[in-house]
Structures are given as structure tokens and as C-alpha cells.
Amino acid sequence: MSPRRLRAEGARFDGALAVITGAGSGIGRATARELARLGARVVATDIDAASATSVAAETGGEAHALDVSDDTAMQSFAERIVSTHGAPDVLVNNAGVGLSGRFLDTAPDDWNWILGTNLHGVIHGCRAFGPAMLARGRGHVVNVSSGLAYVPRATEPAYVTSKAAVLALTRCLRADWGPKGVAVSAVCPGVIATSIVERGRFRGERASEDAVAQVRRLFSRGHPPELVARAIVDAIRRSRPVVPVGIEARVGWALHGALPAGVVDRLARANVDWVSRPRDGAPQTA
């Protein structure tokens, strides 16, 4: 077995090369730490160069400033990584942003912004690294979607659309690339205690002080990002197709195809946060 080959059946990822986008905070940072702990060589990217550098220092890896919405930048980055290290064993397309607001309260610029990072960032990552991974005939791509990818919300059309598209893309790529040796998984976190709220956009009624404060309280009670990092590792080891993370995401996944359409419509219209206490038995990461 090559020292860089992913030991999917074992406890470690000795020598595996793992590229992680949005690694500067939250889920990305926790994933970088977990993979490094298990023996992987981490390449941490983030639009914030300082945060990527901080993660690289923690994990003994390397850092790159990267805006995943920029296809040219992504292609150039991938060329550098592949020419220096070879194709990655693991690619985690994690970079993401949040946007809350009803459809007519959001502007075209808002949609371009969230789709540029959440959807096109994943497309760019897969297109940039996919050819080298397929040419080698092995590897694993993890795309971070969301529990809201299959739970429609009247107040979150842009975010839900972006993450639902990531889930659909992932399942298509899994069908295409899996038989060629490259597994693809979607990880769908529920409410995770990260800084996505602080960096997100709020529009219309969702921009009120009370509404933003409610969302902040919700996320402050969320699952720790380390829970998602462990789910990402499990998705790689077991080649799982879709991995909901957190009780609310798991319940949503179990019910999304079972509930009558009328019930789904009523739940989507409810002007309440989709979960109130997202604890999952874990001590207190989009």
C-alpha cells in the first residue's frame, strides 16, 4: 500500500493529502484539525489568508488564500497543488456563506454572492481537482451541503437553493465518478455553532434586530463543528453517499420524502426557526 494511499479501513489517514476549502474557521477548521490528527497532510484554503495560515500552523500543513467563487483562481491553485504534491486523496469543498431573507427581499447581487461561493465554489473545486483524481483512479470528494438542502423555508430561498443544488450535484458526481474510483459524498449539517451568522447577509424582515438576535441565539446553541468533522471522516471511511449531521438534519432527511406535500408546504411557511434546540448529545461548523 502506498504511504499516501487513504487507509479507509483503518483508524488513520497516514500520508493522505487533504485539500480543504473554507478551512479558516468553523467546520473547515475542525475538519483540518481532525484529518491532521489522523495523519493527513492538510492544505488549508480560505478567502481570509490570515485564518488559513493559522490553521496551517496548527496542523503542520500549508495555507493558501483562495476565493472559491473565482474559477480562474481555483484552476491555478489546483495546478500548483497537483504539480507539487500530485492529486489529492481527499477534497473537502466546505467554503460557504449564509443569506436569510424572502425571495423578493433579496437582490440579484445577493444571489450571485451566495451561489458564487456555495454552489459555484463546489463546482470549481470538483472541476479543478477532478481530472487528476480520476486519472489516478482513486480519492474521495466531500461536498458540504446542509440539512436545509431538503427542508424548504419561505425565508431562506437563496440558501436552500444553493445547498440543494450542491446535494443534487454530489449525487450525480457520485454516480459518474464512483465507478471510476473516486467516491463523492454530501455531508448535510444541521445547526452548527460557527461564525456563518456573523458573516452572513440578512434582508427584509430577517434583518431586524430581533430576528438576527434570534438566529444568533439558535446558532450559539448549535452542534460543535467537530461533530461535522467526524461525520466527514466517517463519510470518507465508509463511502457514504449522504450524511445528515445532527438530530434535526437526520429527522429532516428521514421525513423529506415521506411527508405529504401539503404538510411540507405548511412547515416551509412557518415563520419560526426550523429547530430550537439542536443538541445531539455532544459537548458544546457552513
C-alpha atoms as a PDB file:
ATOM      1  CA  MET A   1       0.000   0.000   0.000  1.00  0.00           C
ATOM      2  CA  SER A   2       1.352   3.401  -0.964  1.00  0.00           C
ATOM      3  CA  PRO A   3       2.158   5.613   2.053  1.00  0.00           C
ATOM      4  CA  ARG A   4      -0.153   8.253   0.544  1.00  0.00           C
ATOM      5  CA  ARG A   5      -2.988   5.812  -0.045  1.00  0.00           C
ATOM      6  CA  LEU A   6      -6.029   6.525   2.051  1.00  0.00           C
ATOM      7  CA  ARG A   7      -6.403   3.764   4.636  1.00  0.00           C
ATOM      8  CA  ALA A   8     -10.191   3.745   4.594  1.00  0.00           C
ATOM      9  CA  GLU A   9     -10.403   0.630   6.739  1.00  0.00           C
ATOM     10  CA  GLY A  10      -8.065   1.867   9.443  1.00  0.00           C
ATOM     11  CA  ALA A  11      -8.037   4.471  12.155  1.00  0.00           C
ATOM     12  CA  ARG A  12      -5.688   6.841  10.371  1.00  0.00           C
ATOM     13  CA  PHE A  13      -5.153   8.742   7.128  1.00  0.00           C
ATOM     14  CA  ASP A  14      -1.366   8.379   7.151  1.00  0.00           C
ATOM     15  CA  GLY A  15       0.202  10.484   4.445  1.00  0.00           C
ATOM     16  CA  ALA A  16      -3.075  11.240   2.679  1.00  0.00           C
ATOM     17  CA  LEU A  17      -3.180  14.658   1.018  1.00  0.00           C
ATOM     18  CA  ALA A  18      -6.324  16.539   2.058  1.00  0.00           C
ATOM     19  CA  VAL A  19      -7.362  19.825   0.435  1.00  0.00           C
ATOM     20  CA  ILE A  20      -9.987  21.748   2.415  1.00  0.00           C
ATOM     21  CA  THR A  21     -11.709  24.946   1.299  1.00  0.00           C
ATOM     22  CA  GLY A  22     -13.076  27.383   3.847  1.00  0.00           C
ATOM     23  CA  ALA A  23     -10.645  25.895   6.343  1.00  0.00           C
ATOM     24  CA  GLY A  24     -10.075  29.100   8.271  1.00  0.00           C
ATOM     25  CA  SER A  25     -12.935  28.659  10.724  1.00  0.00           C
ATOM     26  CA  GLY A  26     -15.860  26.536  11.816  1.00  0.00           C
ATOM     27  CA  ILE A  27     -16.413  23.221  10.036  1.00  0.00           C
ATOM     28  CA  GLY A  28     -13.387  23.665   7.793  1.00  0.00           C
ATOM     29  CA  ARG A  29     -11.033  24.333  10.675  1.00  0.00           C
ATOM     30  CA  ALA A  30     -12.378  21.419  12.706  1.00  0.00           C
ATOM     31  CA  THR A  31     -12.026  19.131   9.684  1.00  0.00           C
ATOM     32  CA  ALA A  32      -8.446  20.242   9.079  1.00  0.00           C
ATOM     33  CA  ARG A  33      -7.582  19.500  12.701  1.00  0.00           C
ATOM     34  CA  GLU A  34      -9.279  16.101  12.652  1.00  0.00           C
ATOM     35  CA  LEU A  35      -7.660  14.951   9.420  1.00  0.00           C
ATOM     36  CA  ALA A  36      -4.257  16.187  10.575  1.00  0.00           C
ATOM     37  CA  ARG A  37      -4.744  14.328  13.864  1.00  0.00           C
ATOM     38  CA  LEU A  38      -5.371  11.175  11.863  1.00  0.00           C
ATOM     39  CA  GLY A  39      -2.171  11.608   9.894  1.00  0.00           C
ATOM     40  CA  ALA A  40      -3.223  13.516   6.782  1.00  0.00           C
ATOM     41  CA  ARG A  41      -1.203  16.286   5.203  1.00  0.00           C
ATOM     42  CA  VAL A  42      -3.540  19.268   5.137  1.00  0.00           C
ATOM     43  CA  VAL A  43      -3.731  22.007   2.539  1.00  0.00           C
ATOM     44  CA  ALA A  44      -5.916  24.705   4.091  1.00  0.00           C
ATOM     45  CA  THR A  45      -7.537  27.363   1.926  1.00  0.00           C
ATOM     46  CA  ASP A  46      -9.667  30.313   2.908  1.00  0.00           C
ATOM     47  CA  ILE A  47     -10.607  33.686   1.459  1.00  0.00           C
ATOM     48  CA  ASP A  48      -9.046  35.079   4.648  1.00  0.00           C
ATOM     49  CA  ALA A  49      -5.313  34.431   4.261  1.00  0.00           C
ATOM     50  CA  ALA A  50      -4.568  35.002   7.945  1.00  0.00           C
ATOM     51  CA  SER A  51      -7.058  32.384   9.107  1.00  0.00           C
ATOM     52  CA  ALA A  52      -5.753  29.837   6.590  1.00  0.00           C
ATOM     53  CA  THR A  53      -2.218  30.489   7.832  1.00  0.00           C
ATOM     54  CA  SER A  54      -3.355  29.992  11.422  1.00  0.00           C
ATOM     55  CA  VAL A  55      -4.892  26.606  10.596  1.00  0.00           C
ATOM     56  CA  ALA A  56      -1.801  25.546   8.681  1.00  0.00           C
ATOM     57  CA  ALA A  57       0.324  26.392  11.704  1.00  0.00           C
ATOM     58  CA  GLU A  58      -1.936  24.262  13.925  1.00  0.00           C
ATOM     59  CA  THR A  59      -1.981  21.285  11.588  1.00  0.00           C
ATOM     60  CA  GLY A  60       1.546  21.361  10.230  1.00  0.00           C
ATOM     61  CA  GLY A  61       0.149  21.821   6.739  1.00  0.00           C
ATOM     62  CA  GLU A  62       0.244  24.598   4.189  1.00  0.00           C
ATOM     63  CA  ALA A  63      -2.005  27.594   3.639  1.00  0.00           C
ATOM     64  CA  HIS A  64      -3.373  29.269   0.522  1.00  0.00           C
ATOM     65  CA  ALA A  65      -5.599  32.315   0.187  1.00  0.00           C
ATOM     66  CA  LEU A  66      -8.415  31.347  -2.185  1.00  0.00           C
ATOM     67  CA  ASP A  67     -11.751  32.756  -3.298  1.00  0.00           C
ATOM     68  CA  VAL A  68     -13.604  29.623  -4.403  1.00  0.00           C
ATOM     69  CA  SER A  69     -16.062  31.679  -6.461  1.00  0.00           C
ATOM     70  CA  ASP A  70     -13.195  32.621  -8.804  1.00  0.00           C
ATOM     71  CA  ASP A  71     -12.834  29.764 -11.287  1.00  0.00           C
ATOM     72  CA  THR A  72      -9.527  31.069 -12.662  1.00  0.00           C
ATOM     73  CA  ALA A  73      -8.048  31.268  -9.174  1.00  0.00           C
ATOM     74  CA  MET A  74      -9.280  27.761  -8.368  1.00  0.00           C
ATOM     75  CA  GLN A  75      -7.809  26.293 -11.534  1.00  0.00           C
ATOM     76  CA  SER A  76      -4.462  27.983 -10.875  1.00  0.00           C
ATOM     77  CA  PHE A  77      -4.465  26.750  -7.277  1.00  0.00           C
ATOM     78  CA  ALA A  78      -5.252  23.182  -8.323  1.00  0.00           C
ATOM     79  CA  GLU A  79      -2.481  23.204 -10.914  1.00  0.00           C
ATOM     80  CA  ARG A  80       0.024  24.271  -8.253  1.00  0.00           C
ATOM     81  CA  ILE A  81      -1.109  21.609  -5.792  1.00  0.00           C
ATOM     82  CA  VAL A  82      -1.163  18.782  -8.334  1.00  0.00           C
ATOM     83  CA  SER A  83       2.195  19.740  -9.819  1.00  0.00           C
ATOM     84  CA  THR A  84       3.764  19.890  -6.345  1.00  0.00           C
ATOM     85  CA  HIS A  85       2.030  17.070  -4.491  1.00  0.00           C
ATOM     86  CA  GLY A  86       0.046  15.090  -7.029  1.00  0.00           C
ATOM     87  CA  ALA A  87      -3.714  14.585  -6.969  1.00  0.00           C
ATOM     88  CA  PRO A  88      -5.323  14.950  -3.531  1.00  0.00           C
ATOM     89  CA  ASP A  89      -6.581  11.868  -1.745  1.00  0.00           C
ATOM     90  CA  VAL A  90      -9.323  13.918  -0.122  1.00  0.00           C
ATOM     91  CA  LEU A  91     -11.019  17.092  -1.346  1.00  0.00           C
ATOM     92  CA  VAL A  92     -13.432  18.793   1.044  1.00  0.00           C
ATOM     93  CA  ASN A  93     -15.452  21.534  -0.649  1.00  0.00           C
ATOM     94  CA  ASN A  94     -16.570  23.263   2.522  1.00  0.00           C
ATOM     95  CA  ALA A  95     -16.456  27.033   1.889  1.00  0.00           C
ATOM     96  CA  GLY A  96     -19.881  28.554   2.350  1.00  0.00           C
ATOM     97  CA  VAL A  97     -21.820  31.698   3.255  1.00  0.00           C
ATOM     98  CA  GLY A  98     -25.308  32.397   4.589  1.00  0.00           C
ATOM     99  CA  LEU A  99     -28.145  34.577   3.307  1.00  0.00           C
ATOM    100  CA  SER A 100     -31.502  34.934   5.048  1.00  0.00           C
ATOM    101  CA  GLY A 101     -34.433  36.784   3.522  1.00  0.00           C
ATOM    102  CA  ARG A 102     -37.558  36.180   1.462  1.00  0.00           C
ATOM    103  CA  PHE A 103     -37.174  35.975  -2.317  1.00  0.00           C
ATOM    104  CA  LEU A 104     -38.402  39.488  -3.149  1.00  0.00           C
ATOM    105  CA  ASP A 105     -36.297  40.970  -0.362  1.00  0.00           C
ATOM    106  CA  THR A 106     -33.096  39.637  -1.921  1.00  0.00           C
ATOM    107  CA  ALA A 107     -31.345  41.306  -4.841  1.00  0.00           C
ATOM    108  CA  PRO A 108     -29.557  39.754  -7.841  1.00  0.00           C
ATOM    109  CA  ASP A 109     -26.250  40.652  -6.187  1.00  0.00           C
ATOM    110  CA  ASP A 110     -27.239  38.607  -3.139  1.00  0.00           C
ATOM    111  CA  TRP A 111     -27.975  35.583  -5.318  1.00  0.00           C
ATOM    112  CA  ASN A 112     -24.749  35.967  -7.278  1.00  0.00           C
ATOM    113  CA  TRP A 113     -22.839  36.184  -3.988  1.00  0.00           C
ATOM    114  CA  ILE A 114     -24.297  33.110  -2.332  1.00  0.00           C
ATOM    115  CA  LEU A 115     -24.374  30.940  -5.451  1.00  0.00           C
ATOM    116  CA  GLY A 116     -20.834  32.023  -6.294  1.00  0.00           C
ATOM    117  CA  THR A 117     -19.496  30.575  -3.053  1.00  0.00           C
ATOM    118  CA  ASN A 118     -21.928  27.834  -2.051  1.00  0.00           C
ATOM    119  CA  LEU A 119     -22.591  26.273  -5.451  1.00  0.00           C
ATOM    120  CA  HIS A 120     -20.027  27.524  -7.950  1.00  0.00           C
ATOM    121  CA  GLY A 121     -17.284  27.111  -5.355  1.00  0.00           C
ATOM    122  CA  VAL A 122     -18.110  23.399  -5.196  1.00  0.00           C
ATOM    123  CA  ILE A 123     -18.342  23.161  -8.988  1.00  0.00           C
ATOM    124  CA  HIS A 124     -14.989  24.920  -9.360  1.00  0.00           C
ATOM    125  CA  GLY A 125     -13.331  22.654  -6.805  1.00  0.00           C
ATOM    126  CA  CYS A 126     -14.635  19.481  -8.438  1.00  0.00           C
ATOM    127  CA  ARG A 127     -13.756  20.657 -11.935  1.00  0.00           C
ATOM    128  CA  ALA A 128     -10.261  21.766 -10.917  1.00  0.00           C
ATOM    129  CA  PHE A 129      -9.221  18.633  -8.997  1.00  0.00           C
ATOM    130  CA  GLY A 130     -11.495  16.013 -10.542  1.00  0.00           C
ATOM    131  CA  PRO A 131      -9.400  15.291 -13.662  1.00  0.00           C
ATOM    132  CA  ALA A 132      -6.244  14.467 -11.677  1.00  0.00           C
ATOM    133  CA  MET A 133      -8.161  12.343  -9.163  1.00  0.00           C
ATOM    134  CA  LEU A 134      -9.929  10.447 -11.947  1.00  0.00           C
ATOM    135  CA  ALA A 135      -6.704   9.965 -13.889  1.00  0.00           C
ATOM    136  CA  ARG A 136      -5.181   8.331 -10.823  1.00  0.00           C
ATOM    137  CA  GLY A 137      -8.331   6.290 -10.250  1.00  0.00           C
ATOM    138  CA  ARG A 138      -8.864   6.880  -6.543  1.00  0.00           C
ATOM    139  CA  GLY A 139      -9.732   9.538  -3.983  1.00  0.00           C
ATOM    140  CA  HIS A 140     -12.714  10.977  -2.165  1.00  0.00           C
ATOM    141  CA  VAL A 141     -14.599  14.247  -2.617  1.00  0.00           C
ATOM    142  CA  VAL A 142     -16.775  15.555   0.211  1.00  0.00           C
ATOM    143  CA  ASN A 143     -19.135  18.408  -0.596  1.00  0.00           C
ATOM    144  CA  VAL A 144     -20.610  20.190   2.403  1.00  0.00           C
ATOM    145  CA  SER A 145     -24.294  20.782   1.732  1.00  0.00           C
ATOM    146  CA  SER A 146     -26.837  21.432   4.504  1.00  0.00           C
ATOM    147  CA  GLY A 147     -29.804  19.969   6.293  1.00  0.00           C
ATOM    148  CA  LEU A 148     -31.748  22.794   4.674  1.00  0.00           C
ATOM    149  CA  ALA A 149     -30.976  21.285   1.262  1.00  0.00           C
ATOM    150  CA  TYR A 150     -34.083  19.139   1.724  1.00  0.00           C
ATOM    151  CA  VAL A 151     -36.110  21.326   4.124  1.00  0.00           C
ATOM    152  CA  PRO A 152     -37.718  24.219   2.187  1.00  0.00           C
ATOM    153  CA  ARG A 153     -38.089  27.515   4.024  1.00  0.00           C
ATOM    154  CA  ALA A 154     -40.051  30.576   2.884  1.00  0.00           C
ATOM    155  CA  THR A 155     -37.447  32.831   4.485  1.00  0.00           C
ATOM    156  CA  GLU A 156     -34.318  31.077   3.139  1.00  0.00           C
ATOM    157  CA  PRO A 157     -34.834  30.562  -0.620  1.00  0.00           C
ATOM    158  CA  ALA A 158     -31.305  31.520  -1.657  1.00  0.00           C
ATOM    159  CA  TYR A 159     -29.502  29.416   0.920  1.00  0.00           C
ATOM    160  CA  VAL A 160     -31.799  26.415   0.426  1.00  0.00           C
ATOM    161  CA  THR A 161     -31.402  26.651  -3.360  1.00  0.00           C
ATOM    162  CA  SER A 162     -27.609  26.791  -3.158  1.00  0.00           C
ATOM    163  CA  LYS A 163     -27.333  23.817  -0.811  1.00  0.00           C
ATOM    164  CA  ALA A 164     -30.000  21.742  -2.587  1.00  0.00           C
ATOM    165  CA  ALA A 165     -28.020  22.195  -5.793  1.00  0.00           C
ATOM    166  CA  VAL A 166     -24.845  21.013  -4.044  1.00  0.00           C
ATOM    167  CA  LEU A 167     -26.665  17.891  -2.852  1.00  0.00           C
ATOM    168  CA  ALA A 168     -28.003  17.155  -6.350  1.00  0.00           C
ATOM    169  CA  LEU A 169     -24.599  17.758  -7.944  1.00  0.00           C
ATOM    170  CA  THR A 170     -22.932  15.458  -5.422  1.00  0.00           C
ATOM    171  CA  ARG A 171     -25.305  12.597  -6.114  1.00  0.00           C
ATOM    172  CA  CYS A 172     -24.790  12.977  -9.869  1.00  0.00           C
ATOM    173  CA  LEU A 173     -20.994  13.043  -9.490  1.00  0.00           C
ATOM    174  CA  ARG A 174     -21.111  10.001  -7.229  1.00  0.00           C
ATOM    175  CA  ALA A 175     -22.927   8.077  -9.969  1.00  0.00           C
ATOM    176  CA  ASP A 176     -20.424   9.298 -12.566  1.00  0.00           C
ATOM    177  CA  TRP A 177     -17.112   9.161 -10.680  1.00  0.00           C
ATOM    178  CA  GLY A 178     -17.714   6.311  -8.233  1.00  0.00           C
ATOM    179  CA  PRO A 179     -17.291   3.517 -10.804  1.00  0.00           C
ATOM    180  CA  LYS A 180     -14.041   5.239 -11.863  1.00  0.00           C
ATOM    181  CA  GLY A 181     -12.549   5.029  -8.381  1.00  0.00           C
ATOM    182  CA  VAL A 182     -13.391   8.480  -6.968  1.00  0.00           C
ATOM    183  CA  ALA A 183     -16.084   8.435  -4.293  1.00  0.00           C
ATOM    184  CA  VAL A 184     -18.231  11.513  -3.710  1.00  0.00           C
ATOM    185  CA  SER A 185     -20.225  12.236  -0.549  1.00  0.00           C
ATOM    186  CA  ALA A 186     -22.558  15.004   0.597  1.00  0.00           C
ATOM    187  CA  VAL A 187     -22.432  15.989   4.250  1.00  0.00           C
ATOM    188  CA  CYS A 188     -25.533  17.877   5.383  1.00  0.00           C
ATOM    189  CA  PRO A 189     -25.076  19.635   8.740  1.00  0.00           C
ATOM    190  CA  GLY A 190     -27.935  20.934  10.808  1.00  0.00           C
ATOM    191  CA  VAL A 191     -27.426  23.964  13.049  1.00  0.00           C
ATOM    192  CA  ILE A 192     -23.710  24.251  13.789  1.00  0.00           C
ATOM    193  CA  ALA A 193     -22.051  26.719  16.150  1.00  0.00           C
ATOM    194  CA  THR A 194     -19.909  28.608  13.638  1.00  0.00           C
ATOM    195  CA  SER A 195     -19.420  32.229  12.576  1.00  0.00           C
ATOM    196  CA  ILE A 196     -21.628  31.891   9.486  1.00  0.00           C
ATOM    197  CA  VAL A 197     -24.240  34.158  11.075  1.00  0.00           C
ATOM    198  CA  GLU A 198     -21.727  36.927  11.742  1.00  0.00           C
ATOM    199  CA  ARG A 199     -20.504  36.794   8.140  1.00  0.00           C
ATOM    200  CA  GLY A 200     -23.895  36.291   6.517  1.00  0.00           C
ATOM    201  CA  ARG A 201     -26.398  38.639   4.957  1.00  0.00           C
ATOM    202  CA  PHE A 202     -29.900  39.380   6.241  1.00  0.00           C
ATOM    203  CA  ARG A 203     -32.610  41.008   4.147  1.00  0.00           C
ATOM    204  CA  GLY A 204     -36.138  42.308   4.718  1.00  0.00           C
ATOM    205  CA  GLU A 205     -37.845  41.187   7.931  1.00  0.00           C
ATOM    206  CA  ARG A 206     -34.916  38.841   8.597  1.00  0.00           C
ATOM    207  CA  ALA A 207     -32.639  41.876   9.003  1.00  0.00           C
ATOM    208  CA  SER A 208     -34.497  43.201  12.041  1.00  0.00           C
ATOM    209  CA  GLU A 209     -32.541  43.341  15.279  1.00  0.00           C
ATOM    210  CA  ASP A 210     -34.825  40.822  16.943  1.00  0.00           C
ATOM    211  CA  ALA A 211     -34.682  38.355  14.031  1.00  0.00           C
ATOM    212  CA  VAL A 212     -30.895  38.472  13.793  1.00  0.00           C
ATOM    213  CA  ALA A 213     -30.595  38.083  17.570  1.00  0.00           C
ATOM    214  CA  GLN A 214     -32.860  35.022  17.419  1.00  0.00           C
ATOM    215  CA  VAL A 215     -30.667  33.425  14.741  1.00  0.00           C
ATOM    216  CA  ARG A 216     -27.535  34.199  16.763  1.00  0.00           C
ATOM    217  CA  ARG A 217     -29.042  32.525  19.822  1.00  0.00           C
ATOM    218  CA  LEU A 218     -30.018  29.498  17.757  1.00  0.00           C
ATOM    219  CA  PHE A 219     -26.535  29.035  16.330  1.00  0.00           C
ATOM    220  CA  SER A 220     -24.871  29.648  19.680  1.00  0.00           C
ATOM    221  CA  ARG A 221     -26.723  26.532  20.916  1.00  0.00           C
ATOM    222  CA  GLY A 222     -25.775  24.564  17.826  1.00  0.00           C
ATOM    223  CA  HIS A 223     -23.724  21.419  17.497  1.00  0.00           C
ATOM    224  CA  PRO A 224     -19.956  21.839  17.708  1.00  0.00           C
ATOM    225  CA  PRO A 225     -18.175  21.866  14.340  1.00  0.00           C
ATOM    226  CA  GLU A 226     -16.142  18.879  15.496  1.00  0.00           C
ATOM    227  CA  LEU A 227     -19.312  16.789  15.113  1.00  0.00           C
ATOM    228  CA  VAL A 228     -19.342  17.600  11.397  1.00  0.00           C
ATOM    229  CA  ALA A 229     -15.604  16.937  11.096  1.00  0.00           C
ATOM    230  CA  ARG A 230     -16.112  13.451  12.485  1.00  0.00           C
ATOM    231  CA  ALA A 231     -19.017  12.911  10.094  1.00  0.00           C
ATOM    232  CA  ILE A 232     -16.786  13.916   7.176  1.00  0.00           C
ATOM    233  CA  VAL A 233     -14.185  11.380   8.249  1.00  0.00           C
ATOM    234  CA  ASP A 234     -16.892   8.724   8.569  1.00  0.00           C
ATOM    235  CA  ALA A 235     -18.249   9.587   5.113  1.00  0.00           C
ATOM    236  CA  ILE A 236     -14.786   9.016   3.648  1.00  0.00           C
ATOM    237  CA  ARG A 237     -14.085   5.801   5.526  1.00  0.00           C
ATOM    238  CA  ARG A 238     -17.438   4.234   4.725  1.00  0.00           C
ATOM    239  CA  SER A 239     -18.004   5.922   1.347  1.00  0.00           C
ATOM    240  CA  ARG A 240     -21.396   7.149   2.488  1.00  0.00           C
ATOM    241  CA  PRO A 241     -23.491   8.943  -0.161  1.00  0.00           C
ATOM    242  CA  VAL A 242     -25.420  11.413   2.045  1.00  0.00           C
ATOM    243  CA  VAL A 243     -24.631  12.119   5.694  1.00  0.00           C
ATOM    244  CA  PRO A 244     -27.063  14.283   7.706  1.00  0.00           C
ATOM    245  CA  VAL A 245     -25.370  15.657  10.830  1.00  0.00           C
ATOM    246  CA  GLY A 246     -27.361  16.453  13.959  1.00  0.00           C
ATOM    247  CA  ILE A 247     -30.747  15.224  15.074  1.00  0.00           C
ATOM    248  CA  GLU A 248     -32.615  17.962  13.174  1.00  0.00           C
ATOM    249  CA  ALA A 249     -30.815  17.157   9.915  1.00  0.00           C
ATOM    250  CA  ARG A 250     -31.354  13.419  10.361  1.00  0.00           C
ATOM    251  CA  VAL A 251     -35.059  13.850  11.069  1.00  0.00           C
ATOM    252  CA  GLY A 252     -35.419  16.167   8.075  1.00  0.00           C
ATOM    253  CA  TRP A 253     -33.686  13.645   5.830  1.00  0.00           C
ATOM    254  CA  ALA A 254     -35.868  10.803   7.096  1.00  0.00           C
ATOM    255  CA  LEU A 255     -39.063  12.790   6.559  1.00  0.00           C
ATOM    256  CA  HIS A 256     -38.321  14.735   3.395  1.00  0.00           C
ATOM    257  CA  GLY A 257     -39.600  12.034   1.080  1.00  0.00           C
ATOM    258  CA  ALA A 258     -42.247  10.686   3.415  1.00  0.00           C
ATOM    259  CA  LEU A 259     -44.335  13.690   4.418  1.00  0.00           C
ATOM    260  CA  PRO A 260     -47.309  14.691   2.242  1.00  0.00           C
ATOM    261  CA  ALA A 261     -46.649  17.761   0.083  1.00  0.00           C
ATOM    262  CA  GLY A 262     -49.259  19.769   1.960  1.00  0.00           C
ATOM    263  CA  VAL A 263     -47.505  19.200   5.262  1.00  0.00           C
ATOM    264  CA  VAL A 264     -44.161  20.203   3.747  1.00  0.00           C
ATOM    265  CA  ASP A 265     -45.781  23.393   2.402  1.00  0.00           C
ATOM    266  CA  ARG A 266     -47.143  24.317   5.844  1.00  0.00           C
ATOM    267  CA  LEU A 267     -43.801  23.671   7.518  1.00  0.00           C
ATOM    268  CA  ALA A 268     -41.995  25.763   4.893  1.00  0.00           C
ATOM    269  CA  ARG A 269     -44.347  28.698   5.508  1.00  0.00           C
ATOM    270  CA  ALA A 270     -43.942  28.620   9.281  1.00  0.00           C
ATOM    271  CA  ASN A 271     -42.198  31.813  10.389  1.00  0.00           C
ATOM    272  CA  VAL A 272     -40.103  30.034  13.007  1.00  0.00           C
ATOM    273  CA  ASP A 273     -36.592  28.685  13.054  1.00  0.00           C
ATOM    274  CA  TRP A 274     -36.548  25.092  11.846  1.00  0.00           C
ATOM    275  CA  VAL A 275     -35.130  23.757  15.090  1.00  0.00           C
ATOM    276  CA  SER A 276     -34.995  25.201  18.587  1.00  0.00           C
ATOM    277  CA  ARG A 277     -32.500  23.100  20.493  1.00  0.00           C
ATOM    278  CA  PRO A 278     -30.136  21.277  18.139  1.00  0.00           C
ATOM    279  CA  ARG A 279     -28.297  19.301  20.790  1.00  0.00           C
ATOM    280  CA  ASP A 280     -27.054  15.872  19.777  1.00  0.00           C
ATOM    281  CA  GLY A 281     -25.502  14.602  22.963  1.00  0.00           C
ATOM    282  CA  ALA A 282     -22.212  16.295  22.041  1.00  0.00           C
ATOM    283  CA  PRO A 283     -20.346  18.870  24.143  1.00  0.00           C
ATOM    284  CA  GLN A 284     -20.567  22.420  23.233  1.00  0.00           C
ATOM    285  CA  THR A 285     -19.099  24.279  11.880  1.00  0.00           C
ATOM    286  CA  ALA A 286     -21.225  26.459   6.793  1.00  0.00           C
END
